Amino acid sequence: MKKTYKIEVDCANCANLMEDAARKTTGVQSATVNFMTQKMIVEFDEGQEPKDVMKNVLDACKKVEPDCEIFL
């Protein structure tokens, strides 16, 4: 399953770091962050609940950029 989320991130470098953090999160098959459109596209592993996985993605991204927002 693939879903798109609106994000709020301050710079392109932070977007890249958030993308890496999201990719390393359990349950995420792939993740792409587009700084220009302020969107994150996440593809989830089979059988994973997107809401549960996205809570972990948000926690991982906040370690990179404490004031980032992902609108779930």
C-alpha atoms as a PDB file:
ATOM      1  CA  MET A   1       0.000   0.000   0.000  1.00  0.00           C
ATOM      2  CA  LYS A   2       1.270   3.453  -0.903  1.00  0.00           C
ATOM      3  CA  LYS A   3       0.090   6.674   0.749  1.00  0.00           C
ATOM      4  CA  THR A   4       0.931  10.371   0.371  1.00  0.00           C
ATOM      5  CA  TYR A   5       1.228  12.682   3.371  1.00  0.00           C
ATOM      6  CA  LYS A   6       1.565  16.445   3.613  1.00  0.00           C
ATOM      7  CA  ILE A   7       4.682  17.416   5.543  1.00  0.00           C
ATOM      8  CA  GLU A   8       6.234  20.579   6.856  1.00  0.00           C
ATOM      9  CA  VAL A   9      10.007  20.657   6.564  1.00  0.00           C
ATOM     10  CA  ASP A  10      12.327  23.681   6.528  1.00  0.00           C
ATOM     11  CA  CYS A  11      15.115  22.763   4.112  1.00  0.00           C
ATOM     12  CA  ALA A  12      16.030  20.317   1.358  1.00  0.00           C
ATOM     13  CA  ASN A  13      18.819  18.745   3.409  1.00  0.00           C
ATOM     14  CA  CYS A  14      16.405  18.049   6.280  1.00  0.00           C
ATOM     15  CA  ALA A  15      13.974  16.519   3.779  1.00  0.00           C
ATOM     16  CA  ASN A  16      16.714  14.127   2.615  1.00  0.00           C
ATOM     17  CA  LEU A  17      17.546  13.167   6.202  1.00  0.00           C
ATOM     18  CA  MET A  18      13.850  12.621   6.963  1.00  0.00           C
ATOM     19  CA  GLU A  19      13.570  10.417   3.880  1.00  0.00           C
ATOM     20  CA  ASP A  20      16.479   8.278   5.098  1.00  0.00           C
ATOM     21  CA  ALA A  21      14.968   8.026   8.586  1.00  0.00           C
ATOM     22  CA  ALA A  22      11.590   6.989   7.158  1.00  0.00           C
ATOM     23  CA  ARG A  23      13.183   4.319   4.939  1.00  0.00           C
ATOM     24  CA  LYS A  24      14.883   2.752   7.963  1.00  0.00           C
ATOM     25  CA  THR A  25      11.618   2.509   9.924  1.00  0.00           C
ATOM     26  CA  THR A  26      10.199  -0.984  10.397  1.00  0.00           C
ATOM     27  CA  GLY A  27       7.201  -1.547   8.154  1.00  0.00           C
ATOM     28  CA  VAL A  28       8.318   0.908   5.454  1.00  0.00           C
ATOM     29  CA  GLN A  29       9.194  -0.561   2.078  1.00  0.00           C
ATOM     30  CA  SER A  30      10.122   2.785   0.497  1.00  0.00           C
ATOM     31  CA  ALA A  31       9.807   6.488   1.247  1.00  0.00           C
ATOM     32  CA  THR A  32      10.288   9.647  -0.789  1.00  0.00           C
ATOM     33  CA  VAL A  33      10.226  13.207   0.535  1.00  0.00           C
ATOM     34  CA  ASN A  34       9.768  16.078  -1.905  1.00  0.00           C
ATOM     35  CA  PHE A  35      10.843  19.369  -0.335  1.00  0.00           C
ATOM     36  CA  MET A  36       9.355  21.490  -3.134  1.00  0.00           C
ATOM     37  CA  THR A  37       5.838  20.024  -2.869  1.00  0.00           C
ATOM     38  CA  GLN A  38       6.105  19.379   0.909  1.00  0.00           C
ATOM     39  CA  LYS A  39       4.920  15.786   0.443  1.00  0.00           C
ATOM     40  CA  MET A  40       6.065  12.392   1.656  1.00  0.00           C
ATOM     41  CA  ILE A  41       5.147   9.232  -0.232  1.00  0.00           C
ATOM     42  CA  VAL A  42       5.422   6.059   1.820  1.00  0.00           C
ATOM     43  CA  GLU A  43       5.007   2.509   0.584  1.00  0.00           C
ATOM     44  CA  PHE A  44       4.305   0.081   3.407  1.00  0.00           C
ATOM     45  CA  ASP A  45       5.350  -3.547   3.792  1.00  0.00           C
ATOM     46  CA  GLU A  46       2.623  -6.135   3.200  1.00  0.00           C
ATOM     47  CA  GLY A  47       0.295  -6.513   6.172  1.00  0.00           C
ATOM     48  CA  GLN A  48       1.446  -3.365   7.975  1.00  0.00           C
ATOM     49  CA  GLU A  49      -1.057  -0.878   9.408  1.00  0.00           C
ATOM     50  CA  PRO A  50      -0.129   2.562   7.952  1.00  0.00           C
ATOM     51  CA  LYS A  51      -1.293   4.520  11.033  1.00  0.00           C
ATOM     52  CA  ASP A  52       0.913   2.504  13.372  1.00  0.00           C
ATOM     53  CA  VAL A  53       3.940   2.655  11.080  1.00  0.00           C
ATOM     54  CA  MET A  54       3.548   6.410  10.516  1.00  0.00           C
ATOM     55  CA  LYS A  55       3.723   7.088  14.263  1.00  0.00           C
ATOM     56  CA  ASN A  56       7.175   5.480  14.207  1.00  0.00           C
ATOM     57  CA  VAL A  57       8.110   7.386  11.033  1.00  0.00           C
ATOM     58  CA  LEU A  58       7.140  10.667  12.713  1.00  0.00           C
ATOM     59  CA  ASP A  59       9.236   9.800  15.781  1.00  0.00           C
ATOM     60  CA  ALA A  60      12.230   8.988  13.548  1.00  0.00           C
ATOM     61  CA  CYS A  61      11.814  12.209  11.566  1.00  0.00           C
ATOM     62  CA  LYS A  62      11.536  14.324  14.727  1.00  0.00           C
ATOM     63  CA  LYS A  63      14.979  13.032  15.752  1.00  0.00           C
ATOM     64  CA  VAL A  64      16.314  14.564  12.524  1.00  0.00           C
ATOM     65  CA  GLU A  65      14.208  17.734  12.465  1.00  0.00           C
ATOM     66  CA  PRO A  66      12.465  18.348  15.831  1.00  0.00           C
ATOM     67  CA  ASP A  67       9.985  20.880  14.439  1.00  0.00           C
ATOM     68  CA  CYS A  68       8.926  18.866  11.370  1.00  0.00           C
ATOM     69  CA  GLU A  69       5.287  17.920  10.929  1.00  0.00           C
ATOM     70  CA  ILE A  70       3.688  15.029   9.082  1.00  0.00           C
ATOM     71  CA  PHE A  71      -0.047  15.435   8.744  1.00  0.00           C
ATOM     72  CA  LEU A  72      -1.469  11.966   9.275  1.00  0.00           C
END
